[in-house]
Amino acid sequence: MMRQLAGVCLVVLVAWGIVTAQSQSDPRIWTWKVNLAKSKFQPDPPPESLVRTYELDGDALKATIEVVTAEGDHRTSTYTAKYDGKEYAYTGRNVDTVALQRVDDRTLEVTLKKGNKVVGTNRIVISKDGKTMTETLNEINARSLHVHNVVVYDKQ
């Protein structure tokens, strides 16, 4: 009985170590909340709230984005994508696909498409201390307006 318990404990510790190592190797893996005082939204008004949660899903990044718009509407969008520049499904947004490409350990380039047309390019940078994430968005919104937002998030 003690051997079985020791074996189970060993498996749990090894799994925890692997997850911890992977999380430390990707500084995005966390929950991030918008800092409205440091962010700039053009031309749309800022949301009431915006939270991004990143998790590992095998060797892919799983993103869940929860927004309460300026009008009070609640929206959730998700994607799971690898850092290989290939297109993956994006649900809950006015885009069809997302492609992720790592620039370096702290910088990510994001390409958004609607149909076969690129409608957005975003750059996400994690600060050196790992406490802040800045997303620079250049997109065409659902009303066909050019959006240029600089969104600053704080690690939760």
C-alpha atoms as a PDB file:
ATOM      1  CA  MET A   1       0.000   0.000   0.000  1.00  0.00           C
ATOM      2  CA  MET A   2       2.794   2.424   0.889  1.00  0.00           C
ATOM      3  CA  ARG A   3       4.594   1.646  -2.378  1.00  0.00           C
ATOM      4  CA  GLN A   4       1.464   2.424  -4.367  1.00  0.00           C
ATOM      5  CA  LEU A   5       0.972   5.686  -2.504  1.00  0.00           C
ATOM      6  CA  ALA A   6       4.625   6.605  -3.033  1.00  0.00           C
ATOM      7  CA  GLY A   7       4.269   5.795  -6.753  1.00  0.00           C
ATOM      8  CA  VAL A   8       1.182   7.992  -7.077  1.00  0.00           C
ATOM      9  CA  CYS A   9       2.950  10.839  -5.243  1.00  0.00           C
ATOM     10  CA  LEU A  10       5.950  10.514  -7.549  1.00  0.00           C
ATOM     11  CA  VAL A  11       3.747  10.693 -10.662  1.00  0.00           C
ATOM     12  CA  VAL A  12       1.940  13.772  -9.316  1.00  0.00           C
ATOM     13  CA  LEU A  13       5.230  15.518  -8.478  1.00  0.00           C
ATOM     14  CA  VAL A  14       6.716  14.788 -11.903  1.00  0.00           C
ATOM     15  CA  ALA A  15       3.559  16.041 -13.661  1.00  0.00           C
ATOM     16  CA  TRP A  16       3.536  19.182 -11.504  1.00  0.00           C
ATOM     17  CA  GLY A  17       7.197  19.777 -12.308  1.00  0.00           C
ATOM     18  CA  ILE A  18       6.572  19.476 -16.046  1.00  0.00           C
ATOM     19  CA  VAL A  19       3.634  21.909 -15.936  1.00  0.00           C
ATOM     20  CA  THR A  20       5.611  24.342 -13.787  1.00  0.00           C
ATOM     21  CA  ALA A  21       8.608  24.204 -16.145  1.00  0.00           C
ATOM     22  CA  GLN A  22       6.401  24.755 -19.201  1.00  0.00           C
ATOM     23  CA  SER A  23       4.619  27.674 -17.528  1.00  0.00           C
ATOM     24  CA  GLN A  24       7.926  29.280 -16.633  1.00  0.00           C
ATOM     25  CA  SER A  25       9.179  28.861 -20.199  1.00  0.00           C
ATOM     26  CA  ASP A  26       6.125  30.706 -21.574  1.00  0.00           C
ATOM     27  CA  PRO A  27       5.486  33.913 -19.628  1.00  0.00           C
ATOM     28  CA  ARG A  28       2.020  34.301 -21.194  1.00  0.00           C
ATOM     29  CA  ILE A  29       0.651  31.363 -19.211  1.00  0.00           C
ATOM     30  CA  TRP A  30      -1.381  33.238 -16.642  1.00  0.00           C
ATOM     31  CA  THR A  31      -4.490  35.395 -16.207  1.00  0.00           C
ATOM     32  CA  TRP A  32      -4.147  39.026 -17.301  1.00  0.00           C
ATOM     33  CA  LYS A  33      -6.539  41.877 -16.473  1.00  0.00           C
ATOM     34  CA  VAL A  34      -6.675  45.116 -18.471  1.00  0.00           C
ATOM     35  CA  ASN A  35      -5.271  48.235 -16.837  1.00  0.00           C
ATOM     36  CA  LEU A  36      -7.609  50.852 -18.306  1.00  0.00           C
ATOM     37  CA  ALA A  37      -5.594  53.784 -16.942  1.00  0.00           C
ATOM     38  CA  LYS A  38      -2.527  52.716 -18.955  1.00  0.00           C
ATOM     39  CA  SER A  39      -4.373  51.568 -22.106  1.00  0.00           C
ATOM     40  CA  LYS A  40      -5.457  53.534 -25.196  1.00  0.00           C
ATOM     41  CA  PHE A  41      -8.436  52.581 -27.353  1.00  0.00           C
ATOM     42  CA  GLN A  42      -9.002  54.235 -30.761  1.00  0.00           C
ATOM     43  CA  PRO A  43     -11.637  54.824 -32.129  1.00  0.00           C
ATOM     44  CA  ASP A  44     -13.876  52.668 -29.929  1.00  0.00           C
ATOM     45  CA  PRO A  45     -14.488  53.418 -26.252  1.00  0.00           C
ATOM     46  CA  PRO A  46     -12.652  51.199 -23.756  1.00  0.00           C
ATOM     47  CA  PRO A  47     -14.406  48.117 -22.425  1.00  0.00           C
ATOM     48  CA  GLU A  48     -15.733  47.970 -18.876  1.00  0.00           C
ATOM     49  CA  SER A  49     -13.461  44.982 -18.313  1.00  0.00           C
ATOM     50  CA  LEU A  50     -11.167  42.688 -20.264  1.00  0.00           C
ATOM     51  CA  VAL A  51      -9.497  39.540 -18.970  1.00  0.00           C
ATOM     52  CA  ARG A  52      -7.226  37.195 -20.931  1.00  0.00           C
ATOM     53  CA  THR A  53      -6.402  33.739 -19.624  1.00  0.00           C
ATOM     54  CA  TYR A  54      -3.669  31.690 -21.271  1.00  0.00           C
ATOM     55  CA  GLU A  55      -3.141  27.998 -20.568  1.00  0.00           C
ATOM     56  CA  LEU A  56      -1.101  25.192 -22.046  1.00  0.00           C
ATOM     57  CA  ASP A  57      -2.995  22.603 -24.075  1.00  0.00           C
ATOM     58  CA  GLY A  58      -0.294  20.090 -24.964  1.00  0.00           C
ATOM     59  CA  ASP A  59       2.164  22.076 -27.066  1.00  0.00           C
ATOM     60  CA  ALA A  60      -0.427  24.740 -27.931  1.00  0.00           C
ATOM     61  CA  LEU A  61      -1.563  27.955 -26.296  1.00  0.00           C
ATOM     62  CA  LYS A  62      -5.211  28.044 -25.238  1.00  0.00           C
ATOM     63  CA  ALA A  63      -6.584  31.581 -24.916  1.00  0.00           C
ATOM     64  CA  THR A  64      -9.854  32.657 -23.344  1.00  0.00           C
ATOM     65  CA  ILE A  65     -10.738  36.339 -23.682  1.00  0.00           C
ATOM     66  CA  GLU A  66     -13.610  37.682 -21.583  1.00  0.00           C
ATOM     67  CA  VAL A  67     -14.881  41.186 -22.341  1.00  0.00           C
ATOM     68  CA  VAL A  68     -17.589  43.389 -20.924  1.00  0.00           C
ATOM     69  CA  THR A  69     -18.048  46.058 -23.592  1.00  0.00           C
ATOM     70  CA  ALA A  70     -18.631  49.752 -22.948  1.00  0.00           C
ATOM     71  CA  GLU A  71     -22.331  48.993 -23.577  1.00  0.00           C
ATOM     72  CA  GLY A  72     -22.320  46.256 -20.914  1.00  0.00           C
ATOM     73  CA  ASP A  73     -22.422  43.259 -23.280  1.00  0.00           C
ATOM     74  CA  HIS A  74     -20.552  40.148 -22.085  1.00  0.00           C
ATOM     75  CA  ARG A  75     -18.486  38.363 -24.753  1.00  0.00           C
ATOM     76  CA  THR A  76     -16.160  35.398 -24.582  1.00  0.00           C
ATOM     77  CA  SER A  77     -13.833  34.333 -27.376  1.00  0.00           C
ATOM     78  CA  THR A  78     -11.392  31.429 -27.499  1.00  0.00           C
ATOM     79  CA  TYR A  79      -8.698  29.831 -29.568  1.00  0.00           C
ATOM     80  CA  THR A  80      -6.132  27.085 -29.213  1.00  0.00           C
ATOM     81  CA  ALA A  81      -3.106  27.535 -31.468  1.00  0.00           C
ATOM     82  CA  LYS A  82       0.510  26.486 -31.793  1.00  0.00           C
ATOM     83  CA  TYR A  83       3.370  28.948 -32.318  1.00  0.00           C
ATOM     84  CA  ASP A  84       3.904  27.759 -35.880  1.00  0.00           C
ATOM     85  CA  GLY A  85       2.356  30.533 -37.987  1.00  0.00           C
ATOM     86  CA  LYS A  86      -0.463  28.227 -39.165  1.00  0.00           C
ATOM     87  CA  GLU A  87      -4.130  29.217 -38.974  1.00  0.00           C
ATOM     88  CA  TYR A  88      -6.335  27.920 -36.164  1.00  0.00           C
ATOM     89  CA  ALA A  89     -10.045  28.487 -35.473  1.00  0.00           C
ATOM     90  CA  TYR A  90     -10.990  31.527 -33.400  1.00  0.00           C
ATOM     91  CA  THR A  91     -14.509  31.525 -31.949  1.00  0.00           C
ATOM     92  CA  GLY A  92     -16.614  34.272 -30.411  1.00  0.00           C
ATOM     93  CA  ARG A  93     -15.111  37.145 -32.415  1.00  0.00           C
ATOM     94  CA  ASN A  94     -15.602  38.746 -35.799  1.00  0.00           C
ATOM     95  CA  VAL A  95     -12.650  36.740 -37.152  1.00  0.00           C
ATOM     96  CA  ASP A  96     -12.342  33.154 -38.326  1.00  0.00           C
ATOM     97  CA  THR A  97      -8.714  32.264 -37.680  1.00  0.00           C
ATOM     98  CA  VAL A  98      -5.651  33.185 -35.671  1.00  0.00           C
ATOM     99  CA  ALA A  99      -1.991  32.451 -36.447  1.00  0.00           C
ATOM    100  CA  LEU A 100       0.722  32.803 -33.796  1.00  0.00           C
ATOM    101  CA  GLN A 101       4.425  33.332 -34.371  1.00  0.00           C
ATOM    102  CA  ARG A 102       6.977  33.762 -31.574  1.00  0.00           C
ATOM    103  CA  VAL A 103       9.457  36.570 -32.156  1.00  0.00           C
ATOM    104  CA  ASP A 104      11.349  35.794 -28.949  1.00  0.00           C
ATOM    105  CA  ASP A 105      10.560  34.436 -25.464  1.00  0.00           C
ATOM    106  CA  ARG A 106       8.500  37.499 -24.555  1.00  0.00           C
ATOM    107  CA  THR A 107       7.093  38.653 -27.920  1.00  0.00           C
ATOM    108  CA  LEU A 108       4.295  37.157 -29.970  1.00  0.00           C
ATOM    109  CA  GLU A 109       3.013  38.204 -33.410  1.00  0.00           C
ATOM    110  CA  VAL A 110      -0.672  37.451 -34.034  1.00  0.00           C
ATOM    111  CA  THR A 111      -2.416  37.470 -37.429  1.00  0.00           C
ATOM    112  CA  LEU A 112      -6.218  37.488 -37.602  1.00  0.00           C
ATOM    113  CA  LYS A 113      -8.235  36.569 -40.689  1.00  0.00           C
ATOM    114  CA  LYS A 114     -11.849  36.794 -41.761  1.00  0.00           C
ATOM    115  CA  GLY A 115     -12.281  34.454 -44.695  1.00  0.00           C
ATOM    116  CA  ASN A 116      -9.034  34.732 -46.646  1.00  0.00           C
ATOM    117  CA  LYS A 117      -8.460  38.384 -45.746  1.00  0.00           C
ATOM    118  CA  VAL A 118      -6.089  39.571 -43.020  1.00  0.00           C
ATOM    119  CA  VAL A 119      -8.122  41.871 -40.767  1.00  0.00           C
ATOM    120  CA  GLY A 120      -5.647  42.307 -37.939  1.00  0.00           C
ATOM    121  CA  THR A 121      -2.060  42.078 -36.816  1.00  0.00           C
ATOM    122  CA  ASN A 122      -1.280  42.255 -33.132  1.00  0.00           C
ATOM    123  CA  ARG A 123       1.946  42.228 -31.163  1.00  0.00           C
ATOM    124  CA  ILE A 124       1.920  40.962 -27.580  1.00  0.00           C
ATOM    125  CA  VAL A 125       4.945  41.678 -25.369  1.00  0.00           C
ATOM    126  CA  ILE A 126       5.553  40.507 -21.809  1.00  0.00           C
ATOM    127  CA  SER A 127       7.664  42.860 -19.682  1.00  0.00           C
ATOM    128  CA  LYS A 128      11.079  41.694 -18.463  1.00  0.00           C
ATOM    129  CA  ASP A 129       9.775  41.369 -14.901  1.00  0.00           C
ATOM    130  CA  GLY A 130       6.811  39.295 -16.176  1.00  0.00           C
ATOM    131  CA  LYS A 131       4.199  41.461 -14.436  1.00  0.00           C
ATOM    132  CA  THR A 132       2.855  43.404 -17.433  1.00  0.00           C
ATOM    133  CA  MET A 133       1.644  42.411 -20.871  1.00  0.00           C
ATOM    134  CA  THR A 134       1.208  44.995 -23.643  1.00  0.00           C
ATOM    135  CA  GLU A 135      -0.849  44.235 -26.730  1.00  0.00           C
ATOM    136  CA  THR A 136      -0.658  46.566 -29.724  1.00  0.00           C
ATOM    137  CA  LEU A 137      -3.611  45.932 -32.028  1.00  0.00           C
ATOM    138  CA  ASN A 138      -4.042  47.057 -35.606  1.00  0.00           C
ATOM    139  CA  GLU A 139      -7.347  45.662 -36.793  1.00  0.00           C
ATOM    140  CA  ILE A 140     -10.441  46.313 -38.858  1.00  0.00           C
ATOM    141  CA  ASN A 141     -13.455  46.048 -36.556  1.00  0.00           C
ATOM    142  CA  ALA A 142     -16.958  44.736 -37.316  1.00  0.00           C
ATOM    143  CA  ARG A 143     -17.960  48.240 -38.560  1.00  0.00           C
ATOM    144  CA  SER A 144     -15.002  48.279 -41.001  1.00  0.00           C
ATOM    145  CA  LEU A 145     -13.159  50.942 -38.986  1.00  0.00           C
ATOM    146  CA  HIS A 146      -9.406  50.809 -38.438  1.00  0.00           C
ATOM    147  CA  VAL A 147      -8.676  50.138 -34.788  1.00  0.00           C
ATOM    148  CA  HIS A 148      -5.347  50.974 -33.174  1.00  0.00           C
ATOM    149  CA  ASN A 149      -5.319  50.005 -29.505  1.00  0.00           C
ATOM    150  CA  VAL A 150      -2.461  49.726 -27.046  1.00  0.00           C
ATOM    151  CA  VAL A 151      -3.799  47.549 -24.259  1.00  0.00           C
ATOM    152  CA  VAL A 152      -1.827  47.097 -21.054  1.00  0.00           C
ATOM    153  CA  TYR A 153      -2.594  44.141 -18.803  1.00  0.00           C
ATOM    154  CA  ASP A 154      -1.521  43.360 -15.261  1.00  0.00           C
ATOM    155  CA  LYS A 155      -0.698  39.821 -14.191  1.00  0.00           C
ATOM    156  CA  GLN A 156      -3.264  38.519 -11.709  1.00  0.00           C
END
